Protein backbone atom coordinates (compact mmCIF):
# COMPACT_ATOMS: atom_id res chain seq x y z
CA MET A 1 146.37 103.20 199.03
CA ALA A 2 148.78 105.04 201.33
CA ASP A 3 148.78 108.81 201.17
CA THR A 4 151.85 110.34 199.60
CA ASP A 5 152.98 113.91 199.07
CA GLN A 6 152.11 113.61 195.40
CA GLU A 7 148.52 112.71 196.31
CA ARG A 8 148.07 115.71 198.61
CA THR A 9 146.83 118.03 195.89
CA GLU A 10 143.86 119.63 197.67
CA GLN A 11 144.09 122.91 199.56
CA PRO A 12 143.65 122.60 203.35
CA THR A 13 140.16 123.21 204.66
CA SER A 14 139.39 125.80 207.32
CA LYS A 15 138.99 122.99 209.87
CA ARG A 16 142.45 121.63 209.00
CA LEU A 17 143.99 125.10 209.35
CA GLU A 18 142.27 125.61 212.71
CA GLU A 19 143.46 122.24 214.01
CA ALA A 20 147.02 123.04 212.92
CA ARG A 21 146.81 126.37 214.72
CA LYS A 22 145.65 124.66 217.92
CA GLU A 23 148.66 122.36 217.62
CA GLY A 24 150.95 125.40 217.34
CA ARG A 25 151.66 124.86 213.63
CA VAL A 26 151.56 128.34 212.13
CA PRO A 27 153.84 129.90 209.51
CA ARG A 28 156.84 131.58 211.09
CA SER A 29 159.89 133.40 209.70
CA GLN A 30 162.83 133.84 212.06
CA ASP A 31 164.41 136.14 209.50
CA LEU A 32 161.38 138.45 209.63
CA SER A 33 161.47 138.67 213.43
CA THR A 34 165.24 139.20 213.51
CA ALA A 35 165.13 141.87 210.81
CA ALA A 36 162.25 143.70 212.52
CA VAL A 37 164.00 143.74 215.91
CA LEU A 38 167.35 144.88 214.47
CA LEU A 39 165.78 147.56 212.26
CA VAL A 40 163.83 149.02 215.16
CA ALA A 41 166.84 148.80 217.48
CA GLY A 42 169.09 150.50 214.91
CA GLY A 43 166.51 153.21 214.24
CA ALA A 44 166.02 153.82 217.97
CA LEU A 45 169.79 154.09 218.48
CA ARG A 46 169.98 156.57 215.59
CA VAL A 47 167.21 158.72 217.11
CA PHE A 48 167.98 158.43 220.82
CA GLY A 49 171.72 157.74 220.54
CA ALA A 50 172.84 161.26 221.43
CA SER A 51 170.71 161.46 224.59
CA ILE A 52 171.66 157.92 225.60
CA SER A 53 175.38 158.62 225.21
CA THR A 54 175.06 161.81 227.28
CA SER A 55 173.18 159.96 230.04
CA LEU A 56 175.67 157.11 230.07
CA MET A 57 178.47 159.64 230.21
CA GLY A 58 176.92 161.09 233.35
CA VAL A 59 176.55 157.61 234.84
CA MET A 60 180.23 156.93 234.13
CA HIS A 61 181.29 160.21 235.73
CA ALA A 62 179.17 159.50 238.80
CA GLY A 63 180.67 156.06 239.11
CA LEU A 64 184.22 157.35 238.93
CA GLU A 65 183.69 160.25 241.31
CA LEU A 66 183.02 158.24 244.45
CA SER A 67 184.23 159.89 247.65
CA SER A 68 186.49 158.01 250.02
CA ALA A 69 183.59 157.58 252.45
CA GLN A 70 181.41 156.04 249.74
CA ALA A 71 184.25 153.74 248.65
CA ARG A 72 184.84 152.48 252.21
CA ASP A 73 181.16 151.91 253.05
CA PRO A 74 179.91 148.76 251.23
CA GLN A 75 176.23 149.60 251.74
CA LEU A 76 176.67 153.16 250.48
CA ALA A 77 178.72 151.98 247.50
CA LEU A 78 176.08 149.37 246.64
CA ALA A 79 173.29 151.93 246.90
CA THR A 80 175.20 154.32 244.64
CA ALA A 81 175.84 151.57 242.09
CA GLY A 82 172.15 150.63 242.12
CA SER A 83 171.08 154.23 241.62
CA GLU A 84 173.44 154.71 238.68
CA LEU A 85 172.34 151.41 237.15
CA LEU A 86 168.74 152.59 237.35
CA HIS A 87 169.71 155.81 235.58
CA ALA A 88 171.42 153.80 232.84
CA LEU A 89 168.35 151.60 232.38
CA ILE A 90 166.08 154.64 232.20
CA ALA A 91 168.36 156.16 229.57
CA CYS A 92 168.23 152.99 227.45
CA ALA A 93 164.50 152.36 228.13
CA PRO A 94 163.26 153.83 224.77
CA VAL A 95 165.47 151.41 222.81
CA PHE A 96 164.46 148.46 225.00
CA ALA A 97 160.75 149.32 224.79
CA LEU A 98 160.73 149.74 221.00
CA THR A 99 162.71 146.51 220.58
CA VAL A 100 160.19 144.58 222.70
CA VAL A 101 157.30 146.06 220.70
CA ALA A 102 158.99 145.00 217.45
CA ALA A 103 159.55 141.48 218.78
CA LEU A 104 155.85 141.20 219.71
CA ALA A 105 154.54 142.85 216.54
CA ALA A 106 156.62 140.87 214.03
CA PRO A 107 154.60 137.62 214.42
CA LEU A 108 151.39 139.54 213.61
CA ALA A 109 152.61 139.96 210.03
CA LEU A 110 152.85 136.20 209.56
CA GLY A 111 150.45 133.85 211.30
CA GLY A 112 149.64 136.17 214.21
CA TRP A 113 150.09 135.43 217.87
CA ASN A 114 149.37 131.86 218.83
CA PHE A 115 149.58 130.13 222.20
CA SER A 116 149.10 126.38 222.10
CA LEU A 117 149.21 124.05 225.09
CA GLU A 118 149.50 121.10 222.70
CA ALA A 119 152.78 122.48 221.38
CA LEU A 120 154.10 122.58 224.97
CA SER A 121 153.01 119.05 225.81
CA LEU A 122 155.63 116.32 226.14
CA ASN A 123 156.04 114.44 222.87
CA PHE A 124 158.61 111.64 222.95
CA THR A 125 158.56 111.34 219.15
CA ARG A 126 160.47 114.63 219.03
CA LEU A 127 163.26 112.94 220.99
CA ASP A 128 163.53 110.07 218.52
CA PRO A 129 167.14 110.23 217.18
CA ILE A 130 166.24 108.32 214.02
CA ALA A 131 163.46 110.77 213.18
CA GLY A 132 165.83 113.63 214.03
CA PHE A 133 168.47 112.35 211.61
CA GLY A 134 165.72 111.91 209.04
CA ARG A 135 164.74 115.56 209.36
CA VAL A 136 168.37 116.73 209.21
CA PHE A 137 169.21 114.71 206.08
CA SER A 138 165.88 115.27 204.33
CA VAL A 139 165.31 117.52 201.32
CA ARG A 140 163.91 120.20 203.61
CA GLY A 141 166.97 119.91 205.88
CA ALA A 142 169.25 120.37 202.89
CA VAL A 143 167.27 123.43 201.76
CA GLU A 144 167.42 124.94 205.26
CA LEU A 145 171.18 124.32 205.41
CA ALA A 146 171.67 125.98 202.02
CA LYS A 147 169.53 128.93 203.13
CA ALA A 148 171.49 129.31 206.36
CA PHE A 149 174.82 129.26 204.49
CA ALA A 150 173.57 131.78 201.93
CA LYS A 151 172.32 134.08 204.70
CA PHE A 152 175.65 133.80 206.48
CA LEU A 153 177.55 134.78 203.34
CA LEU A 154 175.23 137.70 202.62
CA VAL A 155 175.23 139.08 206.17
CA ALA A 156 178.97 138.51 206.58
CA GLY A 157 179.64 140.28 203.27
CA THR A 158 177.43 143.21 204.28
CA ALA A 159 179.13 143.44 207.69
CA PHE A 160 182.57 143.40 206.06
CA LEU A 161 181.64 146.21 203.67
CA VAL A 162 180.11 148.27 206.51
CA LEU A 163 183.14 147.85 208.77
CA HIS A 164 185.52 148.51 205.91
CA ASN A 165 183.64 151.70 205.07
CA GLN A 166 183.62 152.81 208.73
CA ALA A 167 187.24 151.89 209.45
CA THR A 168 188.54 155.44 209.01
CA GLN A 169 185.79 156.90 211.25
CA MET A 170 186.41 154.25 213.93
CA LEU A 171 190.14 155.00 213.97
CA ALA A 172 189.37 158.73 214.27
CA LEU A 173 187.40 158.12 217.50
CA GLY A 174 190.68 157.89 219.42
CA SER A 175 191.55 161.49 218.67
CA GLU A 176 188.17 162.92 219.71
CA ARG A 177 186.98 164.18 223.05
CA LEU A 178 185.34 161.48 225.14
CA ALA A 179 181.83 162.92 224.88
CA ASP A 180 182.12 163.35 221.11
CA ALA A 181 183.70 159.92 220.66
CA LEU A 182 180.92 158.25 222.64
CA GLY A 183 178.21 159.97 220.56
CA ASP A 184 179.95 159.12 217.27
CA SER A 185 180.46 155.49 218.31
CA VAL A 186 176.74 155.12 219.04
CA ARG A 187 175.97 156.62 215.63
CA LEU A 188 178.39 154.23 213.89
CA VAL A 189 176.85 151.25 215.70
CA ALA A 190 173.34 152.40 214.73
CA ASP A 191 174.34 152.79 211.08
CA ALA A 192 175.97 149.36 211.05
CA VAL A 193 172.92 147.74 212.64
CA LEU A 194 170.57 149.44 210.15
CA LEU A 195 172.63 148.35 207.14
CA ILE A 196 173.00 144.76 208.32
CA SER A 197 169.33 144.53 209.34
CA GLY A 198 168.40 145.93 205.93
CA THR A 199 170.14 142.93 204.43
CA LEU A 200 168.16 140.67 206.76
CA GLY A 201 165.01 142.49 205.61
CA LEU A 202 165.75 141.49 202.01
CA ILE A 203 166.26 137.90 203.16
CA ALA A 204 162.96 138.04 205.07
CA ALA A 205 161.17 139.32 201.96
CA LEU A 206 162.19 136.07 200.26
CA ASP A 207 161.69 133.86 203.31
CA VAL A 208 158.10 134.91 204.13
CA PRO A 209 156.56 133.65 200.84
CA TRP A 210 158.64 130.47 201.18
CA GLN A 211 157.37 129.83 204.71
CA LEU A 212 153.75 130.44 203.66
CA TRP A 213 154.10 128.06 200.71
CA GLN A 214 155.84 125.43 202.84
CA HIS A 215 153.17 125.70 205.57
CA HIS A 216 150.30 125.22 203.11
CA LYS A 217 152.18 122.42 201.39
CA GLU A 218 152.49 120.53 204.69
CA LEU A 219 148.77 120.97 205.38
CA ARG A 220 147.57 119.89 201.93
CA MET A 221 145.03 117.10 201.98
CA THR A 222 144.06 114.18 199.85
CA ARG A 223 140.56 113.91 198.45
CA GLU A 224 139.92 111.01 200.80
CA GLU A 225 140.83 113.18 203.80
CA ILE A 226 138.43 115.88 202.62
CA ARG A 227 135.64 113.31 202.24
CA GLU A 228 136.34 111.93 205.73
CA GLU A 229 136.31 115.44 207.18
CA ALA A 230 133.01 116.17 205.45
CA LYS A 231 131.56 113.00 206.95
CA GLU A 232 132.73 114.01 210.42
CA SER A 233 131.33 117.52 209.99
CA GLU A 234 127.99 116.56 208.48
CA GLY A 235 127.65 113.18 210.15
CA SER A 236 127.97 109.71 208.64
CA PRO A 237 124.98 108.21 206.76
CA GLU A 238 124.49 105.78 209.65
CA ASN A 239 124.27 108.63 212.15
CA LYS A 240 121.91 110.54 209.88
CA ARG A 241 119.64 107.50 209.63
CA ARG A 242 119.66 107.09 213.40
CA VAL A 243 118.80 110.77 213.87
CA ARG A 244 115.97 110.58 211.33
CA ARG A 245 114.67 107.42 213.01
CA ALA A 246 114.75 109.10 216.41
CA GLN A 247 112.97 112.14 214.98
CA ARG A 248 110.26 109.94 213.45
CA ASP A 249 109.82 108.09 216.74
CA LEU A 250 109.49 111.37 218.64
CA LEU A 251 107.01 112.71 216.10
CA ARG A 252 105.02 109.49 216.28
CA ARG A 253 104.83 109.63 220.08
CA ARG A 254 103.67 113.24 219.99
CA MET A 255 101.18 112.35 217.30
CA MET A 256 99.72 109.50 219.36
CA HIS A 257 99.23 111.88 222.29
CA GLU A 258 96.97 114.00 220.07
CA VAL A 259 94.66 111.14 219.03
CA PRO A 260 92.54 111.22 222.26
CA LYS A 261 91.87 114.94 221.58
CA ALA A 262 90.56 114.28 218.04
CA ASP A 263 86.93 114.67 217.04
CA VAL A 264 86.97 111.77 214.60
CA VAL A 265 89.31 109.22 213.02
CA VAL A 266 88.68 108.64 209.31
CA THR A 267 89.78 105.18 208.13
CA ASN A 268 90.31 103.26 204.91
CA PRO A 269 89.21 101.02 206.88
CA THR A 270 92.50 99.13 207.53
CA HIS A 271 95.32 100.65 205.51
CA PHE A 272 94.97 104.32 206.48
CA ALA A 273 93.79 106.26 209.51
CA VAL A 274 93.61 110.05 209.85
CA ALA A 275 92.61 111.82 213.07
CA LEU A 276 90.86 115.19 212.68
CA ARG A 277 90.22 117.91 215.23
CA TYR A 278 88.27 121.14 214.90
CA ASP A 279 87.97 123.98 217.40
CA GLU A 280 85.82 126.71 215.94
CA SER A 281 87.17 129.35 218.33
CA ARG A 282 90.82 128.66 217.55
CA MET A 283 90.98 127.10 214.06
CA ARG A 284 89.99 128.38 210.64
CA ALA A 285 89.51 124.82 209.39
CA PRO A 286 89.81 121.27 210.76
CA ARG A 287 93.38 120.04 211.25
CA VAL A 288 95.03 116.66 210.86
CA VAL A 289 96.48 115.84 214.30
CA ALA A 290 97.63 112.30 213.46
CA LYS A 291 97.85 110.01 210.49
CA GLY A 292 99.43 106.70 209.58
CA ALA A 293 99.35 103.63 207.40
CA ASP A 294 99.19 99.92 208.22
CA LEU A 295 100.59 99.31 211.75
CA ILE A 296 100.51 102.99 212.69
CA ALA A 297 96.95 103.21 211.39
CA ALA A 298 96.01 100.22 213.52
CA ARG A 299 97.58 101.88 216.59
CA ILE A 300 95.63 105.11 215.91
CA ARG A 301 92.39 103.13 215.74
CA GLU A 302 93.23 101.34 219.00
CA ILE A 303 93.91 104.61 220.85
CA ALA A 304 90.74 106.12 219.40
CA THR A 305 88.70 103.16 220.61
CA GLU A 306 90.27 103.28 224.07
CA HIS A 307 89.36 106.99 224.45
CA ALA A 308 85.93 106.80 222.82
CA VAL A 309 86.93 108.82 219.77
CA PRO A 310 84.51 108.09 216.90
CA VAL A 311 85.94 106.09 214.00
CA PHE A 312 84.33 106.74 210.63
CA GLU A 313 85.00 104.57 207.59
CA ALA A 314 85.42 106.63 204.42
CA PRO A 315 88.17 105.16 202.20
CA PRO A 316 88.29 107.95 199.53
CA LEU A 317 88.45 110.71 202.17
CA ALA A 318 91.00 108.82 204.31
CA ARG A 319 93.30 108.34 201.35
CA ALA A 320 92.88 111.97 200.22
CA LEU A 321 93.68 113.29 203.70
CA TYR A 322 96.64 110.95 204.18
CA HIS A 323 98.31 111.87 200.89
CA ASN A 324 97.59 115.62 200.83
CA VAL A 325 97.69 116.98 204.39
CA ASP A 326 100.71 117.04 206.73
CA ILE A 327 100.39 116.44 210.45
CA GLY A 328 99.28 119.68 212.07
CA GLY A 329 98.12 121.12 208.73
CA GLU A 330 94.70 122.41 207.82
CA ILE A 331 92.60 120.47 205.33
CA PRO A 332 92.50 121.97 201.82
CA THR A 333 89.38 123.74 200.57
CA ALA A 334 88.65 120.87 198.16
CA LEU A 335 87.95 118.61 201.16
CA TYR A 336 85.84 121.10 203.16
CA VAL A 337 82.50 119.64 202.10
CA ALA A 338 83.45 116.01 202.74
CA VAL A 339 85.02 116.75 206.12
CA ALA A 340 82.03 118.94 207.09
CA GLN A 341 79.69 116.02 206.26
CA VAL A 342 81.69 113.70 208.49
CA LEU A 343 81.94 116.13 211.41
CA THR A 344 78.25 117.02 211.19
CA TYR A 345 77.38 113.32 211.27
CA ILE A 346 79.64 112.78 214.33
CA TYR A 347 78.13 115.73 216.21
CA ARG A 348 74.58 114.56 215.39
CA LEU A 349 75.51 111.03 216.40
CA LYS A 350 76.75 112.19 219.79
CA ALA A 351 73.60 114.28 220.28
CA ALA A 352 71.37 111.32 219.38
CA ARG A 353 73.14 109.03 221.83
CA THR A 354 72.84 111.62 224.59
CA SER A 355 69.11 112.18 223.98
CA GLY A 356 68.31 108.54 223.26
CA GLN A 357 67.13 109.25 219.70
CA LEU A 358 67.76 107.10 216.67
CA PRO A 359 71.24 107.58 215.12
CA PRO A 360 71.38 109.60 211.89
CA GLU A 361 72.17 108.07 208.55
CA PRO A 362 75.93 108.22 207.78
CA PRO A 363 76.85 110.50 204.88
CA VAL A 364 77.90 109.10 201.53
CA ILE A 365 81.29 110.51 200.55
CA ASP A 366 81.80 111.21 196.87
CA PRO A 367 84.38 108.63 195.64
CA SER A 368 85.78 111.12 193.15
CA ILE A 369 87.12 113.23 196.01
CA GLU A 370 90.26 111.09 196.07
CA THR A 371 91.21 112.18 192.56
CA THR A 372 90.39 115.86 193.12
CA ARG A 373 93.41 118.14 192.78
CA HIS A 374 94.18 119.53 196.26
């Protein structure tokens, strides 16, 4: 069944959110950035406006007081203009610096900074006119158009009220001294910017939750997508089986390498084979270094025969060891006596063969050992 918006009812996973971030898809609010920049710019003008107007006044005086020699010499005039421009930039530097900081800090409040090479890559689907018309005439396009029109009306209404309220003060600027008029004009501009940006701040307060909701809505997933992602993260059952098979093969190869080091191989005689090793200086009790059933048991017996490792037939003990002791594990205390009988017999058998004596009688293993609780 094709995925539809109605079916995307599950919240996006952390992997989905991370992939979207790598693609450059993070929540953004242009209204928040615009309001932050204008608020900071208006506040900076309100604080530094007087000093800026005084500095610009000095720049204007210096520019209008050129001597005849400076006016006739192009290089000197250019140098003077560059010097005064530098003074003007230094005077306005606090406003510029705070505005840049606001522009960089605003994204941190919503989605944080994000640089994505994938977002910069060439994507011809974005140039598709049919898809473009689809986005324009979609429900989201209609909502964005309605939002833009509502913002225009609200900002335009605020600007009209601000200008209407400042009309008398703006007309009075013509009757003031130049220095006073310049300072008052900067103050009026700062007030207007603050009031209009305050309106944009209210719009941003509504737009930010909308953008967050819209972003999560676009990234919602179907249950099938979540299952597929879980398979990719944890591995498909086929891959898991292959990994387990490879692990078993590796363990089997390591196990077979330990058979030549064993002291004895206890057999069933055909169904089970368990290789035991005991080093009194390094081990508290004998350990199972290899074990297997059927074909693996046959391979253990073959390797033992090839390397002259004694093979002892004791079906109850072989079955008890196979079912109760892991590879590399020590034998349980309930099997100490039976294993000690076997090892003692093997050691005595080796000694008899070396000295040319008659072989000892093999021990009789108690059949009930198989049913003993280990």
